Amino acid sequence: MFFYELHEGDNEVFSEVLVVSESEWEADEFFELVQSIRRRISDSFIHDTLVESIAVELEREHGFIHVSDDQLRASVNVSVDDSENFLAVLEVELADAEEDEDHDDDDPAQDLDDGKAFNTIIAEFDPASDRLN
């Protein structure tokens, strides 16, 4: 198994994903593959981040495995202080619990209208900056 990492962001906002391949890719070859996918999807990706979208494309088209939180089976908080060591709740478990509490079959479009379905982005905008994104 060979592991590859994708990074996105700057000093304030950062995202990364791991992908795994059974085949070894030369670094330059992997870079070119990622760049070709990035150019193709950069204006139309549907996941929260560009790196997540690239990882999904690598998985779908090239046999990589996108190591995502959905695949975690356990998360352990570790500390030198005994009281701070515990088995953490996984995001998947939280989502399952929320799904169990919500028994109605809401219409996703209605959820959006009702303000139930949303993503939040907090951004600082400096119109005097040379950086447009």
N, C-alpha and C. Protein backbone atom coordinates (compact mmCIF):
# COMPACT_ATOMS: atom_id res chain seq x y z
N MET A 1 0.84 -1.17 0.00
CA MET A 1 0.00 0.00 0.00
C MET A 1 0.89 1.24 0.00
N PHE A 2 0.50 2.21 -0.81
CA PHE A 2 1.26 3.45 -0.92
C PHE A 2 0.32 4.61 -0.60
N PHE A 3 0.79 5.54 0.21
CA PHE A 3 -0.03 6.62 0.73
C PHE A 3 0.37 7.94 0.09
N TYR A 4 -0.65 8.74 -0.23
CA TYR A 4 -0.44 10.04 -0.86
C TYR A 4 -1.34 11.05 -0.16
N GLU A 5 -0.84 12.27 -0.01
CA GLU A 5 -1.57 13.29 0.71
C GLU A 5 -1.84 14.48 -0.20
N LEU A 6 -3.03 15.04 -0.07
CA LEU A 6 -3.41 16.25 -0.80
C LEU A 6 -3.67 17.35 0.22
N HIS A 7 -3.11 18.53 0.00
CA HIS A 7 -3.28 19.69 0.89
C HIS A 7 -3.99 20.80 0.13
N GLU A 8 -4.78 21.57 0.86
CA GLU A 8 -5.43 22.75 0.28
C GLU A 8 -5.53 23.81 1.36
N GLY A 9 -5.30 25.04 1.01
CA GLY A 9 -5.50 26.11 1.96
C GLY A 9 -4.30 27.00 2.14
N ASP A 10 -4.42 27.86 3.14
CA ASP A 10 -3.35 28.80 3.46
C ASP A 10 -3.09 28.74 4.96
N ASN A 11 -2.54 29.79 5.53
CA ASN A 11 -2.19 29.78 6.96
C ASN A 11 -3.39 29.76 7.89
N GLU A 12 -4.56 30.21 7.41
CA GLU A 12 -5.73 30.30 8.28
C GLU A 12 -6.71 29.15 8.09
N VAL A 13 -6.90 28.71 6.88
CA VAL A 13 -7.84 27.63 6.58
C VAL A 13 -7.06 26.54 5.87
N PHE A 14 -7.21 25.31 6.36
CA PHE A 14 -6.39 24.24 5.83
C PHE A 14 -7.21 22.96 5.76
N SER A 15 -7.03 22.21 4.71
CA SER A 15 -7.70 20.92 4.56
C SER A 15 -6.72 19.95 3.93
N GLU A 16 -6.81 18.69 4.34
CA GLU A 16 -5.96 17.68 3.74
C GLU A 16 -6.71 16.36 3.70
N VAL A 17 -6.35 15.53 2.75
CA VAL A 17 -6.91 14.18 2.67
C VAL A 17 -5.80 13.20 2.34
N LEU A 18 -6.01 11.97 2.72
CA LEU A 18 -5.11 10.88 2.36
C LEU A 18 -5.79 9.99 1.34
N VAL A 19 -5.02 9.55 0.36
CA VAL A 19 -5.48 8.54 -0.58
C VAL A 19 -4.44 7.42 -0.58
N VAL A 20 -4.91 6.21 -0.85
CA VAL A 20 -4.05 5.03 -0.81
C VAL A 20 -4.17 4.32 -2.15
N SER A 21 -3.05 3.81 -2.63
CA SER A 21 -3.03 3.05 -3.88
C SER A 21 -2.24 1.77 -3.66
N GLU A 22 -2.68 0.72 -4.33
CA GLU A 22 -1.92 -0.53 -4.29
C GLU A 22 -0.70 -0.43 -5.20
N SER A 23 -0.72 0.53 -6.11
CA SER A 23 0.40 0.74 -7.03
C SER A 23 1.21 1.94 -6.58
N GLU A 24 2.50 1.87 -6.78
CA GLU A 24 3.36 3.00 -6.45
C GLU A 24 3.39 3.96 -7.63
N TRP A 25 3.17 5.23 -7.34
CA TRP A 25 3.21 6.28 -8.35
C TRP A 25 4.45 7.13 -8.10
N GLU A 26 5.16 7.47 -9.14
CA GLU A 26 6.25 8.44 -9.02
C GLU A 26 5.63 9.77 -8.60
N ALA A 27 6.33 10.54 -7.80
CA ALA A 27 5.80 11.80 -7.29
C ALA A 27 5.36 12.72 -8.43
N ASP A 28 6.19 12.86 -9.46
CA ASP A 28 5.84 13.73 -10.59
C ASP A 28 4.61 13.22 -11.33
N GLU A 29 4.51 11.92 -11.47
CA GLU A 29 3.36 11.32 -12.16
C GLU A 29 2.08 11.55 -11.36
N PHE A 30 2.15 11.37 -10.03
CA PHE A 30 0.99 11.61 -9.18
C PHE A 30 0.59 13.08 -9.23
N PHE A 31 1.57 13.97 -9.19
CA PHE A 31 1.30 15.40 -9.28
C PHE A 31 0.55 15.73 -10.58
N GLU A 32 1.02 15.21 -11.69
CA GLU A 32 0.36 15.48 -12.98
C GLU A 32 -1.06 14.92 -13.01
N LEU A 33 -1.26 13.75 -12.43
CA LEU A 33 -2.60 13.17 -12.36
C LEU A 33 -3.53 14.07 -11.56
N VAL A 34 -3.07 14.52 -10.39
CA VAL A 34 -3.87 15.41 -9.55
C VAL A 34 -4.16 16.72 -10.29
N GLN A 35 -3.16 17.27 -10.97
CA GLN A 35 -3.36 18.52 -11.70
C GLN A 35 -4.38 18.36 -12.82
N SER A 36 -4.36 17.23 -13.52
CA SER A 36 -5.32 17.03 -14.60
C SER A 36 -6.74 16.95 -14.05
N ILE A 37 -6.91 16.29 -12.91
CA ILE A 37 -8.23 16.23 -12.27
C ILE A 37 -8.63 17.62 -11.78
N ARG A 38 -7.71 18.33 -11.14
CA ARG A 38 -8.00 19.67 -10.63
C ARG A 38 -8.47 20.60 -11.74
N ARG A 39 -7.78 20.57 -12.88
CA ARG A 39 -8.17 21.44 -13.99
C ARG A 39 -9.57 21.09 -14.50
N ARG A 40 -9.89 19.81 -14.49
CA ARG A 40 -11.17 19.37 -15.02
C ARG A 40 -12.33 19.72 -14.09
N ILE A 41 -12.13 19.66 -12.78
CA ILE A 41 -13.25 19.82 -11.85
C ILE A 41 -13.25 21.12 -11.05
N SER A 42 -12.24 21.94 -11.17
CA SER A 42 -12.09 23.10 -10.28
C SER A 42 -13.27 24.07 -10.32
N ASP A 43 -13.97 24.14 -11.43
CA ASP A 43 -15.12 25.05 -11.52
C ASP A 43 -16.44 24.40 -11.15
N SER A 44 -16.43 23.09 -10.89
CA SER A 44 -17.71 22.41 -10.70
C SER A 44 -17.70 21.32 -9.63
N PHE A 45 -16.76 21.35 -8.69
CA PHE A 45 -16.73 20.27 -7.70
C PHE A 45 -17.87 20.42 -6.70
N ILE A 46 -18.34 19.26 -6.19
CA ILE A 46 -19.54 19.26 -5.35
C ILE A 46 -19.26 18.97 -3.87
N HIS A 47 -18.06 18.58 -3.53
CA HIS A 47 -17.74 18.29 -2.13
C HIS A 47 -17.33 19.59 -1.43
N ASP A 48 -17.16 19.52 -0.12
CA ASP A 48 -16.85 20.72 0.65
C ASP A 48 -15.53 21.36 0.26
N THR A 49 -14.56 20.56 -0.14
CA THR A 49 -13.25 21.10 -0.51
C THR A 49 -12.80 20.52 -1.85
N LEU A 50 -11.90 21.22 -2.47
CA LEU A 50 -11.34 20.75 -3.74
C LEU A 50 -10.56 19.45 -3.53
N VAL A 51 -9.81 19.34 -2.43
CA VAL A 51 -9.03 18.11 -2.22
C VAL A 51 -9.92 16.90 -2.00
N GLU A 52 -11.07 17.08 -1.34
CA GLU A 52 -12.01 15.97 -1.20
C GLU A 52 -12.54 15.53 -2.56
N SER A 53 -12.86 16.50 -3.39
CA SER A 53 -13.38 16.20 -4.73
C SER A 53 -12.33 15.49 -5.57
N ILE A 54 -11.09 15.92 -5.48
CA ILE A 54 -10.01 15.25 -6.22
C ILE A 54 -9.83 13.83 -5.70
N ALA A 55 -9.89 13.64 -4.38
CA ALA A 55 -9.74 12.30 -3.80
C ALA A 55 -10.85 11.37 -4.29
N VAL A 56 -12.06 11.87 -4.38
CA VAL A 56 -13.18 11.06 -4.87
C VAL A 56 -12.95 10.67 -6.32
N GLU A 57 -12.45 11.61 -7.13
CA GLU A 57 -12.15 11.31 -8.53
C GLU A 57 -11.01 10.30 -8.65
N LEU A 58 -9.99 10.43 -7.81
CA LEU A 58 -8.89 9.45 -7.82
C LEU A 58 -9.43 8.06 -7.48
N GLU A 59 -10.36 8.01 -6.55
CA GLU A 59 -10.95 6.73 -6.16
C GLU A 59 -11.80 6.16 -7.30
N ARG A 60 -12.64 7.00 -7.87
CA ARG A 60 -13.57 6.56 -8.91
C ARG A 60 -12.85 6.16 -10.20
N GLU A 61 -11.88 6.94 -10.61
CA GLU A 61 -11.27 6.75 -11.93
C GLU A 61 -9.95 5.98 -11.92
N HIS A 62 -9.25 5.95 -10.79
CA HIS A 62 -7.89 5.40 -10.80
C HIS A 62 -7.64 4.36 -9.71
N GLY A 63 -8.67 3.93 -9.01
CA GLY A 63 -8.53 2.84 -8.05
C GLY A 63 -7.91 3.20 -6.71
N PHE A 64 -7.75 4.48 -6.42
CA PHE A 64 -7.25 4.89 -5.11
C PHE A 64 -8.34 4.67 -4.07
N ILE A 65 -7.95 4.62 -2.82
CA ILE A 65 -8.90 4.59 -1.71
C ILE A 65 -8.79 5.93 -1.01
N HIS A 66 -9.91 6.64 -0.92
CA HIS A 66 -9.96 7.92 -0.21
C HIS A 66 -10.17 7.60 1.27
N VAL A 67 -9.17 7.87 2.09
CA VAL A 67 -9.26 7.60 3.52
C VAL A 67 -10.04 8.76 4.15
N SER A 68 -11.31 8.50 4.40
CA SER A 68 -12.19 9.55 4.93
C SER A 68 -12.68 9.17 6.32
N ASP A 69 -13.32 10.11 7.00
CA ASP A 69 -13.86 9.85 8.33
C ASP A 69 -14.90 8.74 8.30
N ASP A 70 -15.57 8.55 7.17
CA ASP A 70 -16.57 7.49 7.05
C ASP A 70 -15.97 6.11 7.27
N GLN A 71 -14.68 5.96 7.05
CA GLN A 71 -14.02 4.66 7.19
C GLN A 71 -13.45 4.42 8.58
N LEU A 72 -13.47 5.42 9.44
CA LEU A 72 -12.95 5.26 10.80
C LEU A 72 -13.82 4.31 11.60
N ARG A 73 -13.20 3.45 12.38
CA ARG A 73 -13.92 2.53 13.25
C ARG A 73 -13.75 2.90 14.72
N ALA A 74 -12.71 3.65 15.03
CA ALA A 74 -12.50 4.10 16.41
C ALA A 74 -11.64 5.35 16.39
N SER A 75 -11.89 6.22 17.36
CA SER A 75 -11.10 7.42 17.54
C SER A 75 -10.81 7.54 19.04
N VAL A 76 -9.54 7.64 19.37
CA VAL A 76 -9.14 7.67 20.78
C VAL A 76 -8.43 8.98 21.08
N ASN A 77 -8.89 9.68 22.10
CA ASN A 77 -8.21 10.87 22.57
C ASN A 77 -7.12 10.40 23.54
N VAL A 78 -5.88 10.82 23.31
CA VAL A 78 -4.74 10.37 24.11
C VAL A 78 -4.09 11.57 24.78
N SER A 79 -3.77 11.41 26.05
CA SER A 79 -3.14 12.48 26.82
C SER A 79 -2.26 11.86 27.90
N VAL A 80 -1.30 12.62 28.41
CA VAL A 80 -0.50 12.15 29.54
C VAL A 80 -1.35 12.13 30.81
N ASP A 81 -2.42 12.91 30.84
CA ASP A 81 -3.35 12.95 31.97
C ASP A 81 -4.40 11.85 31.79
N ASP A 82 -4.47 10.90 32.72
CA ASP A 82 -5.40 9.76 32.61
C ASP A 82 -6.84 10.19 32.36
N SER A 83 -7.26 11.27 32.99
CA SER A 83 -8.67 11.68 32.86
C SER A 83 -9.01 12.21 31.46
N GLU A 84 -8.00 12.50 30.67
CA GLU A 84 -8.24 13.03 29.32
C GLU A 84 -8.10 11.96 28.24
N ASN A 85 -8.00 10.70 28.62
CA ASN A 85 -7.94 9.59 27.67
C ASN A 85 -9.34 8.99 27.56
N PHE A 86 -9.86 8.95 26.34
CA PHE A 86 -11.20 8.40 26.17
C PHE A 86 -11.42 8.01 24.71
N LEU A 87 -12.43 7.18 24.52
CA LEU A 87 -12.87 6.80 23.19
C LEU A 87 -13.80 7.91 22.70
N ALA A 88 -13.40 8.58 21.65
CA ALA A 88 -14.17 9.72 21.14
C ALA A 88 -15.32 9.24 20.26
N VAL A 89 -16.37 10.04 20.21
CA VAL A 89 -17.51 9.74 19.35
C VAL A 89 -17.14 10.11 17.92
N LEU A 90 -17.37 9.20 17.01
CA LEU A 90 -17.08 9.45 15.60
C LEU A 90 -18.17 10.30 14.97
N GLU A 91 -17.82 11.08 13.96
CA GLU A 91 -18.81 11.88 13.24
C GLU A 91 -19.89 11.01 12.63
N VAL A 92 -19.52 9.81 12.19
CA VAL A 92 -20.49 8.88 11.60
C VAL A 92 -21.51 8.47 12.66
N GLU A 93 -21.06 8.22 13.89
CA GLU A 93 -21.98 7.87 14.97
C GLU A 93 -22.91 9.03 15.28
N LEU A 94 -22.39 10.25 15.26
CA LEU A 94 -23.22 11.43 15.50
C LEU A 94 -24.28 11.56 14.42
N ALA A 95 -23.90 11.35 13.17
CA ALA A 95 -24.84 11.45 12.05
C ALA A 95 -25.90 10.37 12.17
N ASP A 96 -25.51 9.15 12.54
CA ASP A 96 -26.49 8.07 12.72
C ASP A 96 -27.47 8.40 13.82
N ALA A 97 -26.99 8.97 14.92
CA ALA A 97 -27.86 9.34 16.03
C ALA A 97 -28.85 10.42 15.60
N GLU A 98 -28.40 11.40 14.84
CA GLU A 98 -29.29 12.44 14.35
C GLU A 98 -30.33 11.85 13.40
N GLU A 99 -29.91 10.90 12.57
CA GLU A 99 -30.83 10.27 11.63
C GLU A 99 -31.90 9.48 12.38
N ASP A 100 -31.51 8.80 13.46
CA ASP A 100 -32.46 8.04 14.26
C ASP A 100 -33.49 8.95 14.91
N GLU A 101 -33.09 10.15 15.29
CA GLU A 101 -34.00 11.10 15.92
C GLU A 101 -34.95 11.73 14.92
N ASP A 102 -34.59 11.76 13.66
CA ASP A 102 -35.39 12.41 12.62
C ASP A 102 -36.08 11.34 11.79
N HIS A 103 -37.29 10.95 12.20
CA HIS A 103 -37.98 9.84 11.54
C HIS A 103 -38.80 10.27 10.34
N ASP A 104 -39.05 11.54 10.17
CA ASP A 104 -39.86 11.96 9.03
C ASP A 104 -39.03 11.97 7.75
N ASP A 105 -39.71 11.81 6.64
CA ASP A 105 -39.06 11.79 5.33
C ASP A 105 -39.18 13.16 4.70
N ASP A 106 -38.38 14.09 5.19
CA ASP A 106 -38.44 15.46 4.68
C ASP A 106 -37.98 15.53 3.24
N ASP A 107 -38.53 16.47 2.54
CA ASP A 107 -38.11 16.78 1.19
C ASP A 107 -36.86 17.65 1.29
N PRO A 108 -35.73 17.25 0.66
CA PRO A 108 -34.50 18.05 0.76
C PRO A 108 -34.69 19.49 0.31
N ALA A 109 -35.50 19.71 -0.72
CA ALA A 109 -35.75 21.08 -1.18
C ALA A 109 -36.49 21.87 -0.11
N GLN A 110 -37.44 21.21 0.56
CA GLN A 110 -38.17 21.87 1.64
C GLN A 110 -37.25 22.15 2.81
N ASP A 111 -36.34 21.20 3.12
CA ASP A 111 -35.36 21.43 4.18
C ASP A 111 -34.53 22.67 3.90
N LEU A 112 -34.12 22.84 2.65
CA LEU A 112 -33.34 24.00 2.28
C LEU A 112 -34.15 25.27 2.48
N ASP A 113 -35.43 25.25 2.05
CA ASP A 113 -36.31 26.40 2.23
C ASP A 113 -36.53 26.71 3.71
N ASP A 114 -36.61 25.66 4.53
CA ASP A 114 -36.85 25.83 5.96
C ASP A 114 -35.59 26.17 6.74
N GLY A 115 -34.45 26.21 6.06
CA GLY A 115 -33.20 26.53 6.72
C GLY A 115 -32.59 25.37 7.47
N LYS A 116 -33.04 24.13 7.20
CA LYS A 116 -32.51 22.95 7.89
C LYS A 116 -31.24 22.42 7.24
N ALA A 117 -31.07 22.65 5.96
CA ALA A 117 -29.91 22.11 5.25
C ALA A 117 -29.03 23.27 4.81
N PHE A 118 -27.82 23.34 5.35
CA PHE A 118 -26.93 24.44 4.99
C PHE A 118 -25.49 24.12 5.33
N ASN A 119 -24.60 24.82 4.69
CA ASN A 119 -23.18 24.85 5.05
C ASN A 119 -22.87 26.28 5.43
N THR A 120 -22.02 26.46 6.40
CA THR A 120 -21.65 27.80 6.83
C THR A 120 -20.19 28.05 6.48
N ILE A 121 -19.95 29.20 5.91
CA ILE A 121 -18.58 29.63 5.61
C ILE A 121 -18.42 31.02 6.19
N ILE A 122 -17.40 31.19 6.99
CA ILE A 122 -17.08 32.51 7.54
C ILE A 122 -15.82 32.97 6.85
N ALA A 123 -15.89 34.13 6.23
CA ALA A 123 -14.74 34.62 5.48
C ALA A 123 -14.53 36.10 5.76
N GLU A 124 -13.28 36.48 5.75
CA GLU A 124 -12.94 37.89 5.83
C GLU A 124 -12.62 38.37 4.43
N PHE A 125 -13.18 39.49 4.06
CA PHE A 125 -12.98 40.01 2.72
C PHE A 125 -12.27 41.35 2.80
N ASP A 126 -11.17 41.44 2.10
CA ASP A 126 -10.41 42.68 2.04
C ASP A 126 -10.43 43.16 0.59
N PRO A 127 -11.29 44.11 0.24
CA PRO A 127 -11.39 44.55 -1.15
C PRO A 127 -10.11 45.19 -1.67
N ALA A 128 -9.23 45.62 -0.78
CA ALA A 128 -7.98 46.24 -1.21
C ALA A 128 -6.89 45.21 -1.51
N SER A 129 -7.16 43.96 -1.17
CA SER A 129 -6.16 42.92 -1.37
C SER A 129 -6.00 42.57 -2.84
N ASP A 130 -4.78 42.19 -3.22
CA ASP A 130 -4.52 41.74 -4.58
C ASP A 130 -5.01 40.31 -4.79
N ARG A 131 -5.20 39.59 -3.72
CA ARG A 131 -5.64 38.19 -3.80
C ARG A 131 -7.16 38.15 -3.93
N LEU A 132 -7.66 37.56 -5.00
CA LEU A 132 -9.09 37.57 -5.26
C LEU A 132 -9.82 36.38 -4.65
N ASN A 133 -9.10 35.37 -4.20
CA ASN A 133 -9.80 34.22 -3.63
C ASN A 133 -9.25 33.85 -2.29
